[in-house]
Amino acid sequence: ITNLCVIGGDGSLTGADIFRSEWAGLLDELVRDGQISEEVARENCRLNIVGLVGSIDNDFCGTDMTIGTDSALHRIMEVIDAITTTAQSHQRTFVLEVMGRHCGYLALVSGLASGADWLFIPESPPEDGWEDLMCERLGE
């Protein structure tokens, strides 16, 4: 291995950094076990790693949209389209939860695009009494 491209979030990029820091020791083990020669270890002593943020949360500073966000949003909108038809035909209210650990981007954008009546996002926790307001809205 001479080059590694890692696309992921905290776990993947942290793992890549740990792999980088352990690279010399891993080469030493391979030499010690006779799986590679010292010359091969010297030729491959440098591991080049490129890390690309891939997070459906779209929560990385300095980017317009992280890898994975657009496809996640597209899939959410497909599901909303299907649920909306069913909800209207049965005159029912549906609740949809989307991914977004600490970031409400997917919920916010899909809620705006679909005309959701109620939306919860981590960046703006609901005020006290939200339950009554939501029940009133759903009753309408």
N, C-alpha and C. Protein backbone atom coordinates (compact mmCIF):
# COMPACT_ATOMS: atom_id res chain seq x y z
N ILE A 1 0.87 -1.18 0.00
CA ILE A 1 0.00 0.00 0.00
C ILE A 1 0.90 1.23 0.00
N THR A 2 0.65 2.14 -0.94
CA THR A 2 1.41 3.39 -0.96
C THR A 2 0.49 4.59 -0.78
N ASN A 3 -0.73 4.45 -1.26
CA ASN A 3 -1.69 5.55 -1.17
C ASN A 3 -3.04 5.02 -0.70
N LEU A 4 -3.71 5.83 0.08
CA LEU A 4 -5.00 5.43 0.61
C LEU A 4 -5.92 6.63 0.56
N CYS A 5 -7.11 6.45 0.01
CA CYS A 5 -8.13 7.50 -0.02
C CYS A 5 -9.28 7.04 0.87
N VAL A 6 -9.55 7.81 1.92
CA VAL A 6 -10.57 7.43 2.88
C VAL A 6 -11.72 8.44 2.78
N ILE A 7 -12.91 7.93 2.53
CA ILE A 7 -14.11 8.76 2.48
C ILE A 7 -14.98 8.33 3.65
N GLY A 8 -15.25 9.25 4.57
CA GLY A 8 -16.06 8.89 5.72
C GLY A 8 -16.18 10.02 6.71
N GLY A 9 -16.68 9.67 7.87
CA GLY A 9 -16.88 10.64 8.93
C GLY A 9 -15.82 10.49 10.01
N ASP A 10 -16.19 10.82 11.23
CA ASP A 10 -15.25 10.79 12.36
C ASP A 10 -14.55 9.45 12.51
N GLY A 11 -15.32 8.37 12.48
CA GLY A 11 -14.74 7.05 12.69
C GLY A 11 -13.74 6.66 11.61
N SER A 12 -14.14 6.86 10.35
CA SER A 12 -13.26 6.47 9.24
C SER A 12 -11.99 7.29 9.22
N LEU A 13 -12.12 8.60 9.41
CA LEU A 13 -10.94 9.46 9.35
C LEU A 13 -10.04 9.26 10.57
N THR A 14 -10.63 8.99 11.72
CA THR A 14 -9.83 8.68 12.91
C THR A 14 -9.09 7.36 12.70
N GLY A 15 -9.79 6.38 12.13
CA GLY A 15 -9.16 5.10 11.83
C GLY A 15 -8.00 5.24 10.86
N ALA A 16 -8.16 6.09 9.86
CA ALA A 16 -7.08 6.33 8.89
C ALA A 16 -5.88 6.96 9.57
N ASP A 17 -6.13 7.86 10.50
CA ASP A 17 -5.02 8.51 11.22
C ASP A 17 -4.30 7.51 12.12
N ILE A 18 -5.05 6.63 12.75
CA ILE A 18 -4.43 5.59 13.58
C ILE A 18 -3.60 4.65 12.70
N PHE A 19 -4.16 4.27 11.55
CA PHE A 19 -3.44 3.41 10.61
C PHE A 19 -2.14 4.07 10.18
N ARG A 20 -2.18 5.36 9.89
CA ARG A 20 -0.99 6.11 9.50
C ARG A 20 0.05 6.08 10.62
N SER A 21 -0.40 6.31 11.85
CA SER A 21 0.55 6.35 12.97
C SER A 21 1.15 4.97 13.27
N GLU A 22 0.45 3.91 12.91
CA GLU A 22 0.94 2.55 13.18
C GLU A 22 1.67 1.94 11.98
N TRP A 23 1.75 2.66 10.87
CA TRP A 23 2.29 2.12 9.62
C TRP A 23 3.72 1.58 9.78
N ALA A 24 4.60 2.35 10.40
CA ALA A 24 5.99 1.92 10.57
C ALA A 24 6.06 0.61 11.37
N GLY A 25 5.28 0.53 12.44
CA GLY A 25 5.26 -0.69 13.25
C GLY A 25 4.72 -1.89 12.49
N LEU A 26 3.73 -1.66 11.63
CA LEU A 26 3.18 -2.75 10.83
C LEU A 26 4.22 -3.27 9.83
N LEU A 27 4.98 -2.34 9.22
CA LEU A 27 6.04 -2.75 8.30
C LEU A 27 7.11 -3.55 9.05
N ASP A 28 7.47 -3.09 10.25
CA ASP A 28 8.45 -3.81 11.07
C ASP A 28 7.99 -5.24 11.36
N GLU A 29 6.70 -5.41 11.67
CA GLU A 29 6.15 -6.74 11.93
C GLU A 29 6.26 -7.63 10.70
N LEU A 30 5.96 -7.06 9.53
CA LEU A 30 6.03 -7.85 8.29
C LEU A 30 7.46 -8.28 8.00
N VAL A 31 8.41 -7.39 8.26
CA VAL A 31 9.82 -7.75 8.07
C VAL A 31 10.21 -8.84 9.07
N ARG A 32 9.85 -8.65 10.32
CA ARG A 32 10.18 -9.61 11.38
C ARG A 32 9.59 -11.00 11.08
N ASP A 33 8.37 -11.02 10.50
CA ASP A 33 7.72 -12.30 10.18
C ASP A 33 8.18 -12.88 8.85
N GLY A 34 9.06 -12.15 8.15
CA GLY A 34 9.59 -12.63 6.88
C GLY A 34 8.62 -12.51 5.71
N GLN A 35 7.58 -11.71 5.88
CA GLN A 35 6.60 -11.57 4.80
C GLN A 35 7.03 -10.56 3.75
N ILE A 36 7.90 -9.61 4.14
CA ILE A 36 8.49 -8.66 3.18
C ILE A 36 9.95 -8.46 3.56
N SER A 37 10.74 -8.00 2.59
CA SER A 37 12.16 -7.75 2.87
C SER A 37 12.32 -6.35 3.45
N GLU A 38 13.49 -6.12 4.03
CA GLU A 38 13.79 -4.79 4.56
C GLU A 38 13.79 -3.75 3.45
N GLU A 39 14.24 -4.16 2.27
CA GLU A 39 14.25 -3.23 1.12
C GLU A 39 12.83 -2.80 0.75
N VAL A 40 11.92 -3.74 0.72
CA VAL A 40 10.51 -3.42 0.41
C VAL A 40 9.94 -2.51 1.50
N ALA A 41 10.27 -2.77 2.74
CA ALA A 41 9.80 -1.93 3.85
C ALA A 41 10.32 -0.51 3.69
N ARG A 42 11.61 -0.35 3.31
CA ARG A 42 12.18 0.99 3.10
C ARG A 42 11.48 1.70 1.94
N GLU A 43 11.21 0.96 0.86
CA GLU A 43 10.56 1.56 -0.31
C GLU A 43 9.13 2.02 -0.01
N ASN A 44 8.52 1.39 0.97
CA ASN A 44 7.12 1.68 1.30
C ASN A 44 6.96 2.29 2.69
N CYS A 45 7.99 2.97 3.15
CA CYS A 45 7.95 3.51 4.51
C CYS A 45 7.00 4.69 4.65
N ARG A 46 6.63 5.28 3.53
CA ARG A 46 5.73 6.43 3.57
C ARG A 46 4.35 6.00 3.06
N LEU A 47 3.32 6.28 3.84
CA LEU A 47 1.94 5.99 3.45
C LEU A 47 1.23 7.32 3.24
N ASN A 48 0.82 7.57 2.01
CA ASN A 48 0.10 8.81 1.69
C ASN A 48 -1.40 8.57 1.86
N ILE A 49 -2.03 9.42 2.66
CA ILE A 49 -3.46 9.29 2.92
C ILE A 49 -4.16 10.59 2.57
N VAL A 50 -5.25 10.46 1.82
CA VAL A 50 -6.12 11.60 1.53
C VAL A 50 -7.44 11.30 2.23
N GLY A 51 -7.92 12.23 3.01
CA GLY A 51 -9.20 12.05 3.70
C GLY A 51 -10.25 12.99 3.14
N LEU A 52 -11.38 12.41 2.75
CA LEU A 52 -12.51 13.20 2.25
C LEU A 52 -13.69 13.00 3.18
N VAL A 53 -14.29 14.09 3.58
CA VAL A 53 -15.42 13.99 4.50
C VAL A 53 -16.63 13.44 3.76
N GLY A 54 -17.12 12.34 4.24
CA GLY A 54 -18.34 11.75 3.70
C GLY A 54 -19.32 11.62 4.84
N SER A 55 -20.30 12.49 4.89
CA SER A 55 -21.24 12.49 5.99
C SER A 55 -22.59 12.97 5.50
N ILE A 56 -23.61 12.17 5.68
CA ILE A 56 -24.93 12.61 5.24
C ILE A 56 -25.43 13.79 6.08
N ASP A 57 -24.80 14.03 7.22
CA ASP A 57 -25.23 15.12 8.09
C ASP A 57 -24.94 16.50 7.50
N ASN A 58 -24.03 16.59 6.55
CA ASN A 58 -23.63 17.87 5.96
C ASN A 58 -23.18 18.84 7.06
N ASP A 59 -22.37 18.34 7.96
CA ASP A 59 -21.96 19.13 9.12
C ASP A 59 -20.46 19.41 9.15
N PHE A 60 -19.85 19.54 7.99
CA PHE A 60 -18.42 19.83 7.94
C PHE A 60 -18.23 21.26 7.46
N CYS A 61 -17.54 22.04 8.26
CA CYS A 61 -17.30 23.45 7.97
C CYS A 61 -16.50 23.63 6.69
N GLY A 62 -16.87 24.59 5.90
CA GLY A 62 -16.10 24.95 4.71
C GLY A 62 -16.53 24.26 3.44
N THR A 63 -17.60 23.47 3.50
CA THR A 63 -18.10 22.81 2.29
C THR A 63 -19.56 23.19 2.10
N ASP A 64 -19.98 23.22 0.84
CA ASP A 64 -21.40 23.44 0.58
C ASP A 64 -22.21 22.20 0.89
N MET A 65 -21.68 21.05 0.48
CA MET A 65 -22.37 19.79 0.73
C MET A 65 -21.36 18.66 0.80
N THR A 66 -21.43 17.89 1.86
CA THR A 66 -20.50 16.77 2.01
C THR A 66 -20.94 15.58 1.15
N ILE A 67 -20.00 14.69 0.88
CA ILE A 67 -20.28 13.49 0.10
C ILE A 67 -21.32 12.66 0.85
N GLY A 68 -22.38 12.29 0.18
CA GLY A 68 -23.43 11.48 0.78
C GLY A 68 -24.70 12.24 1.11
N THR A 69 -24.59 13.55 1.30
CA THR A 69 -25.75 14.34 1.69
C THR A 69 -26.82 14.36 0.61
N ASP A 70 -26.41 14.62 -0.62
CA ASP A 70 -27.38 14.73 -1.71
C ASP A 70 -28.12 13.42 -1.95
N SER A 71 -27.40 12.30 -1.93
CA SER A 71 -28.07 11.02 -2.15
C SER A 71 -29.01 10.68 -0.99
N ALA A 72 -28.62 11.02 0.24
CA ALA A 72 -29.50 10.79 1.39
C ALA A 72 -30.76 11.63 1.28
N LEU A 73 -30.60 12.89 0.91
CA LEU A 73 -31.75 13.77 0.77
C LEU A 73 -32.68 13.29 -0.36
N HIS A 74 -32.10 12.83 -1.44
CA HIS A 74 -32.89 12.31 -2.55
C HIS A 74 -33.73 11.11 -2.10
N ARG A 75 -33.12 10.22 -1.34
CA ARG A 75 -33.84 9.03 -0.85
C ARG A 75 -34.95 9.43 0.12
N ILE A 76 -34.68 10.39 0.98
CA ILE A 76 -35.70 10.88 1.92
C ILE A 76 -36.90 11.42 1.15
N MET A 77 -36.63 12.19 0.11
CA MET A 77 -37.72 12.79 -0.67
C MET A 77 -38.54 11.71 -1.39
N GLU A 78 -37.90 10.63 -1.84
CA GLU A 78 -38.65 9.52 -2.45
C GLU A 78 -39.61 8.91 -1.43
N VAL A 79 -39.13 8.72 -0.21
CA VAL A 79 -39.97 8.14 0.84
C VAL A 79 -41.11 9.10 1.19
N ILE A 80 -40.81 10.38 1.29
CA ILE A 80 -41.85 11.36 1.61
C ILE A 80 -42.93 11.37 0.53
N ASP A 81 -42.52 11.30 -0.73
CA ASP A 81 -43.50 11.26 -1.82
C ASP A 81 -44.43 10.05 -1.67
N ALA A 82 -43.87 8.91 -1.34
CA ALA A 82 -44.69 7.70 -1.18
C ALA A 82 -45.61 7.81 0.04
N ILE A 83 -45.09 8.31 1.14
CA ILE A 83 -45.88 8.43 2.36
C ILE A 83 -46.99 9.47 2.19
N THR A 84 -46.71 10.56 1.50
CA THR A 84 -47.70 11.63 1.31
C THR A 84 -48.93 11.10 0.60
N THR A 85 -48.73 10.30 -0.43
CA THR A 85 -49.85 9.73 -1.17
C THR A 85 -50.72 8.86 -0.26
N THR A 86 -50.07 8.03 0.53
CA THR A 86 -50.80 7.16 1.45
C THR A 86 -51.52 7.98 2.52
N ALA A 87 -50.85 8.96 3.07
CA ALA A 87 -51.45 9.78 4.12
C ALA A 87 -52.69 10.51 3.60
N GLN A 88 -52.60 11.04 2.40
CA GLN A 88 -53.74 11.77 1.84
C GLN A 88 -54.90 10.83 1.54
N SER A 89 -54.62 9.68 0.97
CA SER A 89 -55.71 8.75 0.62
C SER A 89 -56.39 8.18 1.86
N HIS A 90 -55.66 8.04 2.96
CA HIS A 90 -56.24 7.50 4.19
C HIS A 90 -56.59 8.59 5.21
N GLN A 91 -56.36 9.82 4.86
CA GLN A 91 -56.58 10.97 5.76
C GLN A 91 -55.93 10.72 7.12
N ARG A 92 -54.65 10.46 7.06
CA ARG A 92 -53.87 10.16 8.26
C ARG A 92 -52.66 11.09 8.36
N THR A 93 -52.16 11.19 9.56
CA THR A 93 -50.93 11.94 9.83
C THR A 93 -49.80 10.95 9.98
N PHE A 94 -48.68 11.24 9.37
CA PHE A 94 -47.51 10.37 9.46
C PHE A 94 -46.36 11.13 10.11
N VAL A 95 -45.55 10.40 10.87
CA VAL A 95 -44.35 10.96 11.48
C VAL A 95 -43.16 10.29 10.80
N LEU A 96 -42.20 11.10 10.37
CA LEU A 96 -41.02 10.58 9.71
C LEU A 96 -39.78 11.07 10.44
N GLU A 97 -38.91 10.15 10.77
CA GLU A 97 -37.63 10.51 11.41
C GLU A 97 -36.52 10.25 10.41
N VAL A 98 -35.63 11.21 10.28
CA VAL A 98 -34.49 11.05 9.37
C VAL A 98 -33.20 11.08 10.17
N MET A 99 -32.11 10.66 9.52
CA MET A 99 -30.80 10.65 10.16
C MET A 99 -30.32 12.08 10.38
N GLY A 100 -29.34 12.21 11.24
CA GLY A 100 -28.74 13.50 11.50
C GLY A 100 -28.37 13.64 12.96
N ARG A 101 -27.45 12.84 13.39
CA ARG A 101 -27.03 12.75 14.79
C ARG A 101 -27.12 14.06 15.55
N HIS A 102 -26.28 15.02 15.23
CA HIS A 102 -26.31 16.31 15.93
C HIS A 102 -26.60 17.45 14.97
N CYS A 103 -26.99 17.12 13.76
CA CYS A 103 -27.18 18.11 12.71
C CYS A 103 -28.55 17.90 12.07
N GLY A 104 -29.34 18.94 12.04
CA GLY A 104 -30.69 18.84 11.50
C GLY A 104 -30.83 19.20 10.04
N TYR A 105 -29.72 19.21 9.31
CA TYR A 105 -29.77 19.63 7.90
C TYR A 105 -30.75 18.80 7.08
N LEU A 106 -30.65 17.47 7.14
CA LEU A 106 -31.54 16.63 6.35
C LEU A 106 -32.99 16.83 6.75
N ALA A 107 -33.25 16.93 8.04
CA ALA A 107 -34.62 17.15 8.51
C ALA A 107 -35.14 18.50 8.04
N LEU A 108 -34.31 19.52 8.15
CA LEU A 108 -34.73 20.87 7.77
C LEU A 108 -35.03 20.97 6.28
N VAL A 109 -34.10 20.50 5.45
CA VAL A 109 -34.28 20.62 4.00
C VAL A 109 -35.43 19.75 3.51
N SER A 110 -35.52 18.52 4.01
CA SER A 110 -36.63 17.66 3.58
C SER A 110 -37.96 18.18 4.10
N GLY A 111 -37.97 18.75 5.30
CA GLY A 111 -39.19 19.35 5.83
C GLY A 111 -39.66 20.54 5.01
N LEU A 112 -38.71 21.38 4.62
CA LEU A 112 -39.06 22.53 3.77
C LEU A 112 -39.55 22.08 2.39
N ALA A 113 -38.86 21.11 1.81
CA ALA A 113 -39.22 20.64 0.47
C ALA A 113 -40.57 19.94 0.44
N SER A 114 -40.94 19.29 1.53
CA SER A 114 -42.18 18.51 1.55
C SER A 114 -43.35 19.26 2.15
N GLY A 115 -43.09 20.42 2.73
CA GLY A 115 -44.18 21.16 3.37
C GLY A 115 -44.62 20.55 4.68
N ALA A 116 -43.67 20.02 5.43
CA ALA A 116 -43.99 19.39 6.71
C ALA A 116 -44.68 20.38 7.63
N ASP A 117 -45.61 19.87 8.43
CA ASP A 117 -46.32 20.72 9.38
C ASP A 117 -45.54 20.96 10.66
N TRP A 118 -44.66 20.04 11.00
CA TRP A 118 -43.91 20.15 12.25
C TRP A 118 -42.52 19.57 12.03
N LEU A 119 -41.53 20.19 12.67
CA LEU A 119 -40.15 19.77 12.45
C LEU A 119 -39.33 19.94 13.72
N PHE A 120 -38.57 18.94 14.05
CA PHE A 120 -37.65 19.01 15.19
C PHE A 120 -36.22 18.88 14.66
N ILE A 121 -35.35 19.79 15.08
CA ILE A 121 -33.94 19.70 14.74
C ILE A 121 -33.11 19.98 15.98
N PRO A 122 -31.95 19.36 16.09
CA PRO A 122 -31.13 19.52 17.31
C PRO A 122 -30.66 20.95 17.54
N GLU A 123 -30.48 21.71 16.46
CA GLU A 123 -29.97 23.07 16.61
C GLU A 123 -30.99 24.02 17.24
N SER A 124 -32.25 23.63 17.23
CA SER A 124 -33.30 24.48 17.78
C SER A 124 -34.30 23.61 18.54
N PRO A 125 -33.95 23.23 19.76
CA PRO A 125 -34.84 22.36 20.54
C PRO A 125 -36.21 23.02 20.73
N PRO A 126 -37.26 22.21 20.84
CA PRO A 126 -38.60 22.78 21.01
C PRO A 126 -38.76 23.49 22.35
N GLU A 127 -39.61 24.50 22.34
CA GLU A 127 -39.88 25.25 23.58
C GLU A 127 -40.87 24.46 24.43
N ASP A 128 -40.95 24.81 25.70
CA ASP A 128 -41.92 24.18 26.59
C ASP A 128 -43.32 24.35 26.03
N GLY A 129 -44.11 23.33 26.15
CA GLY A 129 -45.49 23.38 25.67
C GLY A 129 -45.65 23.01 24.21
N TRP A 130 -44.59 22.52 23.58
CA TRP A 130 -44.66 22.18 22.17
C TRP A 130 -45.68 21.09 21.88
N GLU A 131 -45.88 20.21 22.87
CA GLU A 131 -46.81 19.10 22.66
C GLU A 131 -48.22 19.61 22.39
N ASP A 132 -48.65 20.60 23.17
CA ASP A 132 -50.00 21.16 22.99
C ASP A 132 -50.13 21.85 21.64
N LEU A 133 -49.09 22.59 21.26
CA LEU A 133 -49.12 23.28 19.98
C LEU A 133 -49.16 22.28 18.81
N MET A 134 -48.42 21.20 18.94
CA MET A 134 -48.40 20.21 17.89
C MET A 134 -49.76 19.52 17.78
N CYS A 135 -50.34 19.16 18.91
CA CYS A 135 -51.65 18.50 18.90
C CYS A 135 -52.72 19.42 18.30
N GLU A 136 -52.62 20.69 18.61
CA GLU A 136 -53.57 21.68 18.05
C GLU A 136 -53.42 21.73 16.53
N ARG A 137 -52.16 21.78 16.07
CA ARG A 137 -51.89 21.83 14.63
C ARG A 137 -52.39 20.57 13.93
N LEU A 138 -52.11 19.42 14.53
CA LEU A 138 -52.56 18.16 13.93
C LEU A 138 -54.08 18.07 13.91
N GLY A 139 -54.72 18.64 14.90
CA GLY A 139 -56.19 18.66 14.94
C GLY A 139 -56.81 19.46 13.82
N GLU A 140 -56.07 20.46 13.35
CA GLU A 140 -56.57 21.29 12.24
C GLU A 140 -56.61 20.49 10.96
